[in-house]
Amino acid sequence: MTDCVNCHAAPAAIEDIGAEPPRPWCLGCATALVRAGDPVLDYRPLGADGDAYARVLAAGSTETLPFG
């Protein structure tokens, strides 16, 4: 299993296929990007946590999240 490119401590939940080369993110780090207003939108889910990321995106997008 691939580890997160950011924290290197958790297994990847999604793969950012909009990046070159594609970058794997764990659910925690990917969720932090959503909260920061920079969600990964072009991604491939990896395992069960990929579905959880889809729910995080559905619950709040950059249009609905407070900035700052």
C-alpha atoms as a PDB file:
ATOM      1  CA  MET A   1       0.000   0.000   0.000  1.00  0.00           C
ATOM      2  CA  THR A   2       1.162   3.520  -0.796  1.00  0.00           C
ATOM      3  CA  ASP A   3       1.775   6.060   1.958  1.00  0.00           C
ATOM      4  CA  CYS A   4       0.604   9.664   1.905  1.00  0.00           C
ATOM      5  CA  VAL A   5       2.915  12.024   0.027  1.00  0.00           C
ATOM      6  CA  ASN A   6       2.378  14.714   2.682  1.00  0.00           C
ATOM      7  CA  CYS A   7       2.616  13.061   6.115  1.00  0.00           C
ATOM      8  CA  HIS A   8       4.304   9.778   5.057  1.00  0.00           C
ATOM      9  CA  ALA A   9       2.601   8.154   8.068  1.00  0.00           C
ATOM     10  CA  ALA A  10      -0.806   7.008   6.836  1.00  0.00           C
ATOM     11  CA  PRO A  11      -1.934   4.888   3.907  1.00  0.00           C
ATOM     12  CA  ALA A  12      -3.182   6.789   0.869  1.00  0.00           C
ATOM     13  CA  ALA A  13      -6.957   7.125   0.489  1.00  0.00           C
ATOM     14  CA  ILE A  14      -6.937   8.963  -2.834  1.00  0.00           C
ATOM     15  CA  GLU A  15      -4.551   9.607  -5.681  1.00  0.00           C
ATOM     16  CA  ASP A  16      -4.454  13.110  -7.142  1.00  0.00           C
ATOM     17  CA  ILE A  17      -4.460  12.332 -10.855  1.00  0.00           C
ATOM     18  CA  GLY A  18      -4.433  16.030 -11.731  1.00  0.00           C
ATOM     19  CA  ALA A  19      -0.814  16.236 -10.570  1.00  0.00           C
ATOM     20  CA  GLU A  20       2.157  15.048 -12.587  1.00  0.00           C
ATOM     21  CA  PRO A  21       3.223  12.590 -11.371  1.00  0.00           C
ATOM     22  CA  PRO A  22       0.024  11.544  -9.540  1.00  0.00           C
ATOM     23  CA  ARG A  23       0.233  12.172  -5.781  1.00  0.00           C
ATOM     24  CA  PRO A  24      -1.258   9.903  -3.084  1.00  0.00           C
ATOM     25  CA  TRP A  25      -2.967  11.541  -0.072  1.00  0.00           C
ATOM     26  CA  CYS A  26      -4.264  10.002   3.153  1.00  0.00           C
ATOM     27  CA  LEU A  27      -7.795  10.878   4.275  1.00  0.00           C
ATOM     28  CA  GLY A  28      -6.550  13.240   7.001  1.00  0.00           C
ATOM     29  CA  CYS A  29      -4.275  15.269   4.739  1.00  0.00           C
ATOM     30  CA  ALA A  30      -6.807  15.325   1.897  1.00  0.00           C
ATOM     31  CA  THR A  31      -9.510  16.509   4.315  1.00  0.00           C
ATOM     32  CA  ALA A  32      -7.183  19.292   5.510  1.00  0.00           C
ATOM     33  CA  LEU A  33      -6.891  20.462   1.895  1.00  0.00           C
ATOM     34  CA  VAL A  34     -10.694  20.623   1.619  1.00  0.00           C
ATOM     35  CA  ARG A  35     -10.865  22.689   4.810  1.00  0.00           C
ATOM     36  CA  ALA A  36      -8.142  24.991   3.494  1.00  0.00           C
ATOM     37  CA  GLY A  37     -10.169  25.600   0.340  1.00  0.00           C
ATOM     38  CA  ASP A  38      -7.864  23.616  -1.974  1.00  0.00           C
ATOM     39  CA  PRO A  39      -9.602  20.255  -2.464  1.00  0.00           C
ATOM     40  CA  VAL A  40      -8.299  17.532  -4.752  1.00  0.00           C
ATOM     41  CA  LEU A  41     -11.106  17.251  -7.307  1.00  0.00           C
ATOM     42  CA  ASP A  42      -9.479  15.109 -10.007  1.00  0.00           C
ATOM     43  CA  TYR A  43      -8.720  11.954  -8.029  1.00  0.00           C
ATOM     44  CA  ARG A  44      -8.917   8.186  -7.992  1.00  0.00           C
ATOM     45  CA  PRO A  45     -10.202   6.562  -4.772  1.00  0.00           C
ATOM     46  CA  LEU A  46      -7.906   4.024  -3.136  1.00  0.00           C
ATOM     47  CA  GLY A  47      -9.617   1.556  -0.807  1.00  0.00           C
ATOM     48  CA  ALA A  48     -12.529   2.282   1.532  1.00  0.00           C
ATOM     49  CA  ASP A  49     -11.171   5.686   2.621  1.00  0.00           C
ATOM     50  CA  GLY A  50     -11.595   6.954  -0.941  1.00  0.00           C
ATOM     51  CA  ASP A  51     -15.356   6.740  -0.443  1.00  0.00           C
ATOM     52  CA  ALA A  52     -14.973   8.689   2.806  1.00  0.00           C
ATOM     53  CA  TYR A  53     -13.174  11.441   0.886  1.00  0.00           C
ATOM     54  CA  ALA A  54     -16.106  11.676  -1.537  1.00  0.00           C
ATOM     55  CA  ARG A  55     -18.360  12.280   1.489  1.00  0.00           C
ATOM     56  CA  VAL A  56     -15.991  15.000   2.779  1.00  0.00           C
ATOM     57  CA  LEU A  57     -16.193  16.740  -0.599  1.00  0.00           C
ATOM     58  CA  ALA A  58     -19.987  16.432  -0.661  1.00  0.00           C
ATOM     59  CA  ALA A  59     -20.271  17.912   2.833  1.00  0.00           C
ATOM     60  CA  GLY A  60     -18.345  21.056   2.004  1.00  0.00           C
ATOM     61  CA  SER A  61     -16.776  22.601  -1.016  1.00  0.00           C
ATOM     62  CA  THR A  62     -14.761  25.762  -1.485  1.00  0.00           C
ATOM     63  CA  GLU A  63     -18.065  27.562  -2.062  1.00  0.00           C
ATOM     64  CA  THR A  64     -19.494  26.522   1.302  1.00  0.00           C
ATOM     65  CA  LEU A  65     -16.428  26.401   3.532  1.00  0.00           C
ATOM     66  CA  PRO A  66     -15.438  29.515   5.467  1.00  0.00           C
ATOM     67  CA  PHE A  67     -12.051  30.799   4.366  1.00  0.00           C
ATOM     68  CA  GLY A  68      -9.457  31.631   7.006  1.00  0.00           C
END
